[in-house]
Protein backbone atom coordinates (compact mmCIF):
# COMPACT_ATOMS: atom_id res chain seq x y z
CA MET A 1 -0.18 -0.04 0.40
CA ASN A 2 2.09 2.77 -1.05
CA THR A 3 0.52 5.92 0.83
CA LEU A 4 1.09 3.72 3.91
CA ILE A 5 4.07 2.62 3.35
CA LYS A 6 5.42 6.41 2.60
CA ARG A 7 3.42 7.09 5.71
CA THR A 8 6.05 4.83 7.46
CA ALA A 9 8.79 5.04 5.32
CA PRO A 10 11.89 4.66 8.44
CA THR A 11 15.16 6.48 6.68
CA LYS A 12 14.42 9.68 6.31
CA GLU A 13 14.51 12.95 8.61
CA VAL A 14 11.94 14.49 6.57
CA ILE A 15 10.54 11.76 3.33
CA ASP A 16 8.74 14.40 1.44
CA LYS A 17 6.69 17.57 3.04
CA GLU A 18 3.80 15.58 4.26
CA PHE A 19 5.69 13.06 6.33
CA SER A 20 8.27 13.30 9.04
CA ILE A 21 10.26 11.44 11.49
CA ALA A 22 7.54 11.98 13.68
CA ASP A 23 5.09 10.24 11.79
CA THR A 24 6.94 7.27 10.71
CA TYR A 25 7.55 6.55 15.13
CA SER A 26 3.26 7.64 15.10
CA ALA A 27 2.44 4.72 12.11
CA LEU A 28 5.11 2.39 13.53
CA GLU A 29 2.99 2.44 17.21
CA PHE A 30 -0.08 1.98 15.34
CA TYR A 31 1.16 -1.21 13.93
CA TYR A 32 2.44 -1.98 17.45
CA HIS A 33 -1.08 -1.74 18.83
CA ASN A 34 -3.08 -2.70 16.39
CA ASN A 35 -6.68 -1.74 17.78
CA GLY A 36 -7.75 -0.16 14.93
CA VAL A 37 -4.55 0.35 13.65
CA TYR A 38 -6.29 1.28 9.86
CA ALA A 39 -8.39 3.02 11.38
CA LEU A 40 -6.38 5.27 13.10
CA LEU A 41 -3.73 5.25 9.92
CA GLN A 42 -6.80 6.51 7.81
CA GLN A 43 -7.70 9.43 10.10
CA ASP A 44 -4.38 11.22 9.77
CA LEU A 45 -4.43 9.95 6.05
CA ILE A 46 -7.13 11.89 4.98
CA ALA A 47 -6.29 14.68 6.76
CA GLU A 48 -3.29 14.83 4.68
CA GLY A 49 -6.01 14.23 1.20
CA LEU A 50 -4.57 10.40 1.17
CA TRP A 51 -6.47 7.67 0.44
CA THR A 52 -6.91 3.37 1.07
CA GLU A 53 -9.75 0.76 1.40
CA GLY A 54 -10.81 0.42 4.77
CA MET A 55 -8.91 -3.14 6.58
CA SER A 56 -8.43 -4.23 9.74
CA GLY A 57 -4.90 -5.86 11.74
CA LEU A 58 -6.52 -9.55 11.28
CA ARG A 59 -2.91 -10.40 10.72
CA ASN A 60 -0.46 -8.54 12.00
CA PRO A 61 2.83 -10.04 13.50
CA ALA A 62 3.59 -6.33 14.53
CA HIS A 63 3.26 -6.90 18.72
CA ARG A 64 4.46 -10.76 18.69
CA THR A 65 7.86 -9.76 16.74
CA VAL A 66 8.66 -6.66 19.00
CA GLU A 67 7.83 -8.78 22.35
CA PHE A 68 10.75 -11.11 20.85
CA TYR A 69 13.00 -8.70 21.61
CA VAL A 70 11.85 -7.52 24.93
CA SER A 71 12.24 -11.15 26.33
CA LYS A 72 15.03 -12.45 24.66
CA LEU A 73 17.44 -9.18 24.35
CA TRP A 74 18.32 -8.57 28.56
CA PRO A 75 16.21 -11.05 30.23
CA GLY A 76 15.56 -12.13 33.89
CA ALA A 77 16.85 -9.82 36.79
CA LEU A 78 20.03 -7.41 37.60
CA PRO A 79 22.89 -8.06 37.78
CA LYS A 80 23.03 -11.80 36.74
CA ALA A 81 20.81 -10.60 33.34
CA LEU A 82 24.17 -8.51 32.35
CA PRO A 83 27.08 -9.70 33.92
CA ILE A 84 30.10 -7.21 33.85
CA VAL A 85 33.15 -8.17 33.00
CA ALA A 86 36.32 -5.82 33.60
CA LYS A 87 39.95 -5.85 34.07
CA ASN A 88 39.33 -3.20 36.94
CA THR A 89 37.28 -4.69 38.89
CA LYS A 90 36.72 -2.11 41.10
CA ILE A 91 33.61 -0.12 38.62
CA ILE A 92 31.97 -2.94 38.59
CA GLU A 93 30.00 -2.40 42.20
CA PRO A 94 29.35 0.88 41.55
CA ILE A 95 28.04 -0.04 38.03
CA GLU A 96 25.26 -2.03 39.90
CA GLN A 97 25.05 0.71 42.03
CA ILE A 98 23.45 2.91 39.36
CA TRP A 99 21.34 0.65 37.57
CA LYS A 100 19.44 -0.25 41.34
CA TRP A 101 18.91 3.77 41.63
CA SER A 102 18.03 3.83 38.32
CA ASN A 103 15.66 1.01 38.60
CA PHE A 104 17.47 0.13 35.50
CA GLY A 105 15.78 -4.15 36.23
CA SER A 106 12.54 -2.44 34.95
CA MET A 107 13.20 0.38 33.03
CA LYS A 108 15.54 -1.85 30.82
CA GLN A 109 12.31 -4.00 29.22
CA VAL A 110 10.72 -0.25 28.05
CA PHE A 111 14.46 0.19 26.49
CA SER A 112 13.67 -2.85 25.03
CA ARG A 113 10.62 -2.49 23.40
CA TRP A 114 11.51 0.98 22.17
CA PHE A 115 14.23 0.23 21.14
CA SER A 116 12.71 -2.60 18.74
CA LEU A 117 9.62 -0.63 18.08
CA PHE A 118 11.66 2.29 16.65
CA GLY A 119 14.44 1.47 15.62
CA ASP A 120 16.19 3.50 18.23
CA GLY A 121 16.93 3.99 21.87
CA PHE A 122 18.00 6.92 24.43
CA ILE A 123 19.26 7.23 27.62
CA LYS A 124 20.07 9.82 29.40
CA VAL A 125 22.84 10.25 32.07
CA ALA A 126 21.00 12.52 35.29
CA SER A 127 22.32 13.56 38.28
CA ARG A 128 20.35 14.05 41.91
CA ASN A 129 20.80 16.05 44.84
CA GLY A 130 20.37 14.85 48.66
CA SER A 131 19.11 17.07 51.19
CA ASP A 132 22.32 19.04 51.59
CA GLY A 133 21.69 20.05 47.77
CA LYS A 134 25.30 17.89 46.57
CA ALA A 135 24.48 15.46 44.31
CA SER A 136 23.91 12.23 45.68
CA GLN A 137 23.04 9.95 43.33
CA VAL A 138 23.83 9.38 39.15
CA TYR A 139 21.06 7.59 37.30
CA PHE A 140 19.45 6.66 33.87
CA GLN A 141 16.67 7.94 32.35
CA ASN A 142 14.56 6.15 28.75
CA ILE A 143 14.01 9.06 26.76
CA LYS A 144 10.95 7.93 24.13
CA PRO A 145 12.58 8.25 19.98
CA THR A 146 9.16 10.14 20.08
CA HIS A 147 9.98 12.84 21.89
CA VAL A 148 13.72 13.28 19.87
CA THR A 149 12.85 16.01 17.36
CA GLU A 150 16.55 17.20 16.59
CA LEU A 151 19.16 14.96 16.28
CA LYS A 152 23.06 14.73 14.99
CA LEU A 153 25.77 12.65 15.56
CA ASP A 154 29.30 12.63 14.95
CA ASP A 155 31.85 10.26 12.53
CA ARG A 156 31.58 7.92 16.02
CA ASN A 157 27.94 7.80 16.24
CA TYR A 158 28.07 10.33 19.35
CA VAL A 159 25.42 12.66 20.03
CA THR A 160 26.81 16.38 19.33
CA LYS A 161 23.36 17.53 19.23
CA ILE A 162 19.86 16.49 20.58
CA ARG A 163 16.58 18.50 21.34
CA ILE A 164 13.79 16.90 23.32
CA ASP A 165 10.55 18.09 23.30
CA ILE A 166 7.94 16.06 26.13
CA PRO A 167 4.59 17.41 26.19
CA GLN A 168 3.26 18.15 29.91
CA ILE A 169 0.51 18.88 31.21
CA LYS A 170 -0.32 21.24 34.57
CA THR A 171 -3.11 22.58 36.18
CA ASP A 172 -3.73 26.33 37.97
CA ASN A 173 -6.66 27.16 40.31
CA GLY A 174 -8.58 24.44 38.34
CA LYS A 175 -7.30 25.25 34.55
CA ILE A 176 -5.63 22.39 33.03
CA THR A 177 -2.84 23.69 30.37
CA ASN A 178 -1.16 21.65 27.89
CA TYR A 179 2.71 22.50 27.73
CA TYR A 180 6.26 21.31 26.32
CA HIS A 181 9.27 21.15 28.11
CA THR A 182 11.92 21.17 25.58
CA GLU A 183 15.40 20.91 26.01
CA ILE A 184 18.72 20.93 24.47
CA TRP A 185 21.63 19.85 24.76
CA ASP A 186 24.53 21.20 22.13
CA LYS A 187 27.82 19.87 22.71
CA ASN A 188 29.76 23.06 20.23
CA THR A 189 28.62 25.82 22.68
CA GLN A 190 28.35 23.35 26.07
CA LEU A 191 25.53 24.32 27.02
CA PHE A 192 22.29 22.94 28.53
CA ARG A 193 19.18 24.65 27.82
CA VAL A 194 15.41 24.61 29.28
CA TRP A 195 12.11 25.84 27.81
CA GLU A 196 8.34 25.29 29.24
CA SER A 197 6.23 26.90 26.53
CA GLU A 198 2.46 25.50 24.88
CA LYS A 199 4.48 25.98 21.18
CA GLY A 200 5.16 22.26 19.92
CA PRO A 201 8.37 20.55 18.05
CA GLY A 202 7.93 22.14 15.14
CA THR A 203 9.24 25.95 16.91
CA SER A 204 12.31 26.24 15.99
CA GLU A 205 15.21 27.13 18.46
CA ASN A 206 15.33 30.61 18.20
CA ARG A 207 11.51 30.92 18.32
CA LEU A 208 11.47 29.34 21.69
CA GLY A 209 12.28 32.50 23.96
CA THR A 210 14.14 33.16 26.30
CA PRO A 211 14.79 29.53 28.59
CA ILE A 212 14.14 29.19 31.91
CA THR A 213 16.68 27.43 32.59
CA GLN A 214 20.93 27.53 31.02
CA LYS A 215 23.78 25.69 32.28
CA SER A 216 27.00 25.00 30.87
CA PHE A 217 28.44 21.51 30.92
CA THR A 218 31.02 22.33 33.39
CA ALA A 219 28.12 22.47 35.99
CA PHE A 220 27.74 18.54 35.61
CA GLY A 221 31.78 17.86 35.23
CA ILE A 222 31.61 17.19 31.58
CA ASP A 223 32.31 18.34 27.96
CA PHE A 224 29.77 15.97 26.74
CA VAL A 225 26.10 15.33 25.38
CA PRO A 226 25.48 13.10 28.43
CA ILE A 227 22.64 10.98 26.12
CA VAL A 228 23.43 7.87 24.60
CA HIS A 229 21.91 6.72 21.39
CA ALA A 230 21.73 3.39 19.87
CA LYS A 231 20.18 1.70 16.97
CA PHE A 232 18.61 -1.05 16.34
CA GLN A 233 19.51 -2.16 12.60
CA ASP A 234 22.08 0.59 11.45
CA ILE A 235 20.77 1.34 8.02
CA GLY A 236 23.54 4.47 7.43
CA GLU A 237 20.72 6.93 8.44
CA THR A 238 21.06 9.51 11.65
CA ARG A 239 18.26 7.05 12.86
CA GLY A 240 18.01 3.24 13.24
CA ALA A 241 14.93 0.61 11.44
CA GLY A 242 12.86 -0.85 13.51
CA CYS A 243 12.32 -4.84 13.55
CA PHE A 244 9.44 -5.24 11.51
CA VAL A 245 9.29 -1.93 9.55
CA HIS A 246 11.03 -3.86 6.42
CA ALA A 247 7.75 -5.59 6.12
CA LEU A 248 5.03 -2.95 5.97
CA ASP A 249 3.97 -3.94 2.54
CA LYS A 250 3.92 -7.74 3.20
CA ILE A 251 2.15 -7.18 5.93
CA ASP A 252 -1.10 -4.74 4.74
CA GLU A 253 -1.05 -7.78 1.61
CA ALA A 254 -1.98 -9.85 4.44
CA ASN A 255 -4.72 -7.74 6.27
CA ARG A 256 -5.87 -6.92 3.10
CA MET A 257 -6.08 -11.17 2.13
CA ALA A 258 -7.63 -11.87 5.63
CA THR A 259 -9.87 -9.10 5.56
CA ARG A 260 -11.66 -9.70 2.50
CA LEU A 261 -12.28 -13.15 2.64
CA HIS A 262 -13.95 -12.25 6.58
CA GLN A 263 -16.18 -9.71 4.60
CA LEU A 264 -16.86 -12.28 1.86
CA LEU A 265 -17.95 -15.59 4.50
CA TYR A 266 -19.49 -13.71 7.32
CA ARG A 267 -21.02 -10.33 5.56
CA PHE A 268 -20.98 -8.81 8.41
CA ASN A 269 -24.39 -6.47 8.98
CA ASP A 270 -25.14 -6.96 5.26
CA VAL A 271 -27.74 -8.91 3.78
CA THR A 272 -26.63 -12.35 3.30
CA TRP A 273 -29.59 -14.25 1.75
CA ALA A 274 -31.85 -13.59 -1.43
CA ILE A 275 -35.32 -14.02 -2.84
CA ARG A 276 -34.57 -15.10 -6.67
CA ALA A 277 -37.54 -15.32 -9.16
CA ASN A 278 -37.65 -15.37 -13.03
CA GLY A 279 -41.68 -15.27 -13.61
CA MET A 280 -43.07 -13.14 -16.86
CA ASP A 281 -45.90 -11.55 -16.92
CA SER A 282 -48.43 -13.16 -19.84
CA SER A 283 -46.94 -10.40 -22.13
CA GLY A 284 -43.44 -11.60 -21.50
CA ARG A 285 -42.08 -8.56 -18.73
CA PRO A 286 -40.37 -9.55 -15.82
CA LEU A 287 -42.41 -9.98 -12.43
CA PRO A 288 -42.03 -7.19 -9.68
CA ALA A 289 -40.44 -8.85 -6.91
CA PRO A 290 -41.07 -11.27 -4.48
CA THR A 291 -41.86 -10.03 -1.39
CA LEU A 292 -42.34 -12.43 2.16
CA ASN A 293 -43.54 -10.38 5.15
CA LEU A 294 -40.89 -12.28 7.99
CA GLY A 295 -41.03 -9.66 9.91
CA GLU A 296 -41.62 -10.47 14.27
CA SER A 297 -45.76 -8.48 14.15
CA ARG A 298 -47.30 -10.97 12.02
CA THR A 299 -51.06 -11.96 11.68
CA ALA A 300 -53.07 -14.78 13.16
CA ASP A 301 -53.42 -15.86 9.28
CA ASP A 302 -49.77 -15.37 8.34
CA GLN A 303 -48.73 -18.12 6.26
CA SER A 304 -44.91 -17.06 5.27
CA THR A 305 -43.74 -19.56 7.76
CA ILE A 306 -43.97 -23.04 8.58
CA LYS A 307 -42.87 -24.84 11.79
CA ILE A 308 -41.82 -28.12 11.94
CA SER A 309 -41.81 -31.03 13.94
CA THR A 310 -38.50 -30.24 14.63
CA GLY A 311 -38.98 -26.61 16.19
CA THR A 312 -37.23 -25.31 13.21
CA LYS A 313 -39.01 -22.65 10.95
CA VAL A 314 -39.19 -23.00 7.70
CA ALA A 315 -39.91 -19.65 4.76
CA ARG A 316 -42.53 -19.81 2.79
CA LEU A 317 -41.57 -18.57 -0.55
CA PRO A 318 -43.80 -16.85 -3.27
CA GLY A 319 -44.12 -19.01 -5.96
CA ASN A 320 -41.41 -19.69 -9.15
CA SER A 321 -38.87 -18.05 -6.82
CA GLU A 322 -35.86 -19.72 -4.71
CA LEU A 323 -33.29 -18.15 -1.30
CA GLN A 324 -30.24 -17.93 -2.39
CA SER A 325 -27.76 -17.16 -0.56
CA LEU A 326 -25.16 -13.65 -0.95
CA VAL A 327 -22.26 -16.11 0.46
CA PRO A 328 -19.64 -16.56 -2.52
CA ASP A 329 -19.38 -20.33 -3.69
CA LEU A 330 -15.62 -20.08 -2.93
CA HIS A 331 -12.77 -22.60 -1.53
CA TYR A 332 -12.27 -20.87 1.30
CA SER A 333 -10.01 -24.04 2.23
CA ASP A 334 -8.13 -23.17 -0.77
CA ALA A 335 -7.80 -19.43 -0.64
CA LEU A 336 -6.80 -19.63 3.41
CA ALA A 337 -3.97 -21.60 2.14
CA ILE A 338 -3.24 -18.55 -0.10
CA LEU A 339 -3.61 -16.80 2.75
CA ASP A 340 -1.34 -19.46 5.10
CA ALA A 341 1.47 -19.33 2.20
CA HIS A 342 1.84 -15.49 2.68
CA MET A 343 2.28 -15.39 6.20
CA LEU A 344 5.13 -18.64 5.30
CA GLU A 345 6.99 -16.06 2.93
CA LEU A 346 6.09 -13.42 5.65
CA GLU A 347 7.87 -15.06 7.91
CA ARG A 348 10.95 -15.05 6.00
CA ASP A 349 10.44 -11.87 6.48
CA LEU A 350 9.85 -11.91 9.93
CA PRO A 351 12.18 -14.50 11.71
CA GLU A 352 11.23 -14.09 15.35
CA MET A 353 7.07 -15.38 14.00
CA ALA A 354 8.48 -18.61 14.17
CA TYR A 355 9.29 -18.47 17.55
CA TYR A 356 5.47 -18.26 18.16
CA ARG A 357 4.99 -21.60 15.87
CA LEU A 358 7.21 -23.91 18.50
CA ARG A 359 4.16 -25.23 19.97
CA GLU A 360 2.94 -26.23 16.70
CA GLN A 361 5.73 -28.85 16.60
CA GLY A 362 4.04 -30.83 18.94
CA LYS A 363 7.55 -32.30 20.52
CA ASP A 364 10.05 -31.42 23.46
CA LEU A 365 12.95 -29.56 21.22
CA SER A 366 15.92 -29.34 22.86
CA GLY A 367 17.90 -25.97 23.19
CA ILE A 368 19.92 -26.84 20.08
CA ALA A 369 17.47 -27.85 18.03
CA ILE A 370 15.29 -24.69 19.00
CA ARG A 371 18.24 -22.31 17.87
CA TYR A 372 18.78 -23.81 14.76
CA LEU A 373 15.01 -23.50 13.91
CA LEU A 374 15.32 -19.55 15.10
CA SER A 375 18.53 -19.28 13.71
CA ASP A 376 17.67 -16.41 11.75
CA ALA A 377 15.91 -14.63 14.57
CA VAL A 378 18.60 -15.26 16.63
CA ASP A 379 21.35 -13.51 14.37
CA LYS A 380 18.82 -10.49 14.41
CA ALA A 381 18.67 -10.89 17.98
CA LEU A 382 22.32 -11.01 18.43
CA GLU A 383 23.06 -8.04 16.54
CA ALA A 384 20.69 -5.75 18.05
CA ARG A 385 21.79 -6.66 21.48
CA GLY A 386 25.25 -5.28 20.23
CA ASN A 387 23.92 -2.71 19.21
CA ALA A 388 22.41 -1.78 22.84
CA GLU A 389 25.11 -3.09 24.93
CA THR A 390 27.32 -0.79 23.01
CA ALA A 391 25.29 2.05 24.11
CA LEU A 392 24.68 1.08 27.39
CA ILE A 393 28.81 0.74 28.21
CA ARG A 394 29.20 4.23 26.88
CA ALA A 395 26.28 5.08 28.91
CA ASP A 396 27.71 3.63 32.25
CA GLU A 397 31.15 5.26 31.36
CA MET A 398 29.65 8.46 31.16
CA ALA A 399 27.75 7.88 34.98
CA LEU A 400 30.99 7.08 35.70
CA SER A 401 33.02 9.91 35.28
CA MET A 402 29.82 12.44 36.59
CA ALA A 403 29.82 9.95 39.71
CA GLN A 404 33.27 10.25 40.17
CA GLY A 405 33.39 14.26 39.32
CA MET A 406 30.46 15.14 41.75
CA GLU A 407 33.35 12.82 44.46
CA ILE A 408 29.73 10.22 44.77
CA PHE A 409 32.62 7.36 43.60
CA LYS A 410 35.98 7.75 44.17
CA ASN A 411 39.52 6.31 42.91
CA LEU A 412 38.03 4.38 40.24
CA GLY A 413 40.27 5.63 37.36
CA ASN A 414 39.86 7.02 34.57
CA TYR A 415 38.03 7.28 31.30
CA GLU A 416 41.10 8.55 28.95
CA ALA A 417 43.42 5.78 30.42
CA GLY A 418 40.64 2.96 29.93
CA ASP A 419 39.70 2.29 33.29
CA PHE A 420 36.44 2.18 32.69
CA ASP A 421 35.98 0.13 30.02
CA HIS A 422 33.91 -2.96 30.57
CA ILE A 423 31.90 -5.26 28.50
CA PHE A 424 29.13 -7.99 29.10
CA ALA A 425 29.35 -11.66 29.50
CA ASP A 426 28.00 -13.97 26.29
CA ARG A 427 24.66 -14.36 27.09
CA GLU A 428 22.96 -17.42 24.66
CA ILE A 429 19.74 -16.23 23.27
CA ILE A 430 17.73 -19.55 23.95
CA PRO A 431 19.05 -21.16 26.51
CA LEU A 432 20.23 -24.49 26.84
CA SER A 433 17.99 -26.63 29.69
CA GLU A 434 20.19 -27.73 32.92
CA LYS A 435 20.37 -31.78 31.14
CA GLU A 436 22.01 -30.24 28.36
CA LYS A 437 24.66 -27.91 30.38
CA ARG A 438 25.08 -31.26 31.65
CA GLU A 439 25.74 -33.30 28.77
CA ILE A 440 27.95 -30.58 27.14
CA ALA A 441 30.11 -30.20 30.66
CA VAL A 442 31.02 -33.97 30.19
CA MET A 443 31.95 -34.27 26.51
CA ASP A 444 34.14 -31.36 27.87
CA ASP A 445 35.56 -33.04 30.58
CA SER A 446 36.92 -36.20 28.04
CA LEU A 447 38.30 -33.81 25.74
CA GLY A 448 40.18 -32.09 29.15
CA VAL A 449 38.57 -29.23 29.97
CA SER A 450 39.55 -28.53 34.05
CA ARG A 451 36.44 -29.81 36.37
CA LYS A 452 36.83 -25.96 37.94
CA THR A 453 36.04 -24.47 34.33
CA ASN A 454 33.13 -26.95 33.84
CA LEU A 455 31.25 -26.19 37.31
CA SER A 456 32.01 -22.66 36.96
CA LYS A 457 30.22 -23.02 33.33
CA LEU A 458 27.54 -24.92 35.29
CA GLY A 459 26.98 -22.13 38.04
CA TYR A 460 28.91 -23.88 40.45
CA ASP A 461 30.07 -20.42 43.56
CA PRO A 462 33.02 -22.33 45.13
CA ASP A 463 32.27 -19.46 48.31
CA LEU A 464 28.52 -20.12 48.53
CA GLU A 465 29.00 -23.98 48.11
CA ALA A 466 32.15 -23.27 51.40
CA LEU A 467 29.41 -21.50 53.41
CA GLN A 468 26.97 -24.30 52.55
CA LYS A 469 29.38 -26.86 53.47
CA LYS A 470 30.38 -25.14 56.77
CA ASP A 471 26.21 -24.29 58.12
CA GLU A 472 26.00 -27.76 57.51
CA ASP A 473 29.08 -29.64 59.35
CA SER A 474 27.93 -26.82 62.14
CA ASP A 475 24.04 -28.63 62.07
CA LEU A 476 25.86 -31.77 62.43
CA GLY A 477 28.12 -31.14 65.00
CA GLU A 478 24.83 -29.70 66.94
CA GLN A 479 23.22 -33.03 66.09
CA ILE A 480 26.03 -35.42 67.74
CA LEU A 481 25.94 -32.98 70.57
CA SER A 482 22.47 -33.14 70.94
CA ASN A 483 22.60 -36.86 70.92
CA PHE A 484 25.26 -37.32 73.17
CA ASP A 485 22.97 -35.27 75.63
CA LYS A 486 20.34 -37.31 75.20
CA GLY A 487 22.30 -40.56 75.76
CA LYS A 488 22.53 -41.61 72.29
């Protein structure tokens, strides 16, 4: 559907004079929520003087596709979900503390959802003052991509300028007023500015007036924009591409096919039966259309229906007429097979859909078999995870720099010296079962891998094991003394 693809084209800041990146994000969100998706899109398109046929989102995989990444990108509780690996182990505890201050255990799921849906993820590093007025915490904030109205990156894809317009509501003497909280961070001018006004995102910077807040970057102890940008798929543009944007044509076609089949088969709120008659009068002219009283108010001598012994009512038709169904006599199973074939073709573009078909296999699949069946989806998830974690590492490093400059943390090292460098340990997108892990450990043992390494892979913690053994020995000693006292 050309108009919808124009509406949702991901690759340009301004697709044409009618469609902007804000329109793109809005349309993608319609697809994700899927309730009245085409009705909502049609409203916007009609406002732009464009038309498209009515459809329903009956075969729309957008929500499932996004949720695949929400469940597989950073699943589980912190810090296990993101195990930090660093030469400078002194930074691990501060990073995990920053995550706690940020409520990142919950925040990471929202980030994953927006990241895969819109194709962009933004994390802002901010600080919070204590009761003494001094900075006491450094934490992360999610920025919804729809609120980022201007973005400039350098050749490393680091943010050099960003404008954020967040719609807000305030109440004054019972009167509700809508306004925008506008932030602009500019590395070139080294300024952070804030406006609050009723002027929308379309208002140019020089028409916003005097900012209510203006600070130099040095007030935060930084010389960089404390916001990181991640792209789900980097297609060489300023913005990234989401997980299903490349398949919108095929999604629209699947919904069009399914909608048409439903219309033909069920004829919602439309005539289902017609009375057909080919009678002629004596002069050879067609007789008027036959009539039949099937209303609720009938007279005692109404003979339009007959009730047979089973209680079923059967219509009595005028002579030389027959009742004809308006439901087309199609081979619906064949038409449905065509639709199913189209969905399989769509799955080749959206391999995440295969994850939801695994239950149809009807057998207990191993983790290895599942990863083989989902290899395309796993590859996409690994690429997305790599892009997201690269941005998260930068956010961690920014937060450590700010926290150390504010003396929240001390003696962590120096960013320029590489003391803040870290990565996250490899994790499986589709994890192995405990049985499979043990089988692999046995094979590794036969190849000469040390027992300590194998036990570590299985989650064995020697410190915890020693503590448990100490407790068991203590319990055993107490039991022996108790038995001795009892004369046993």
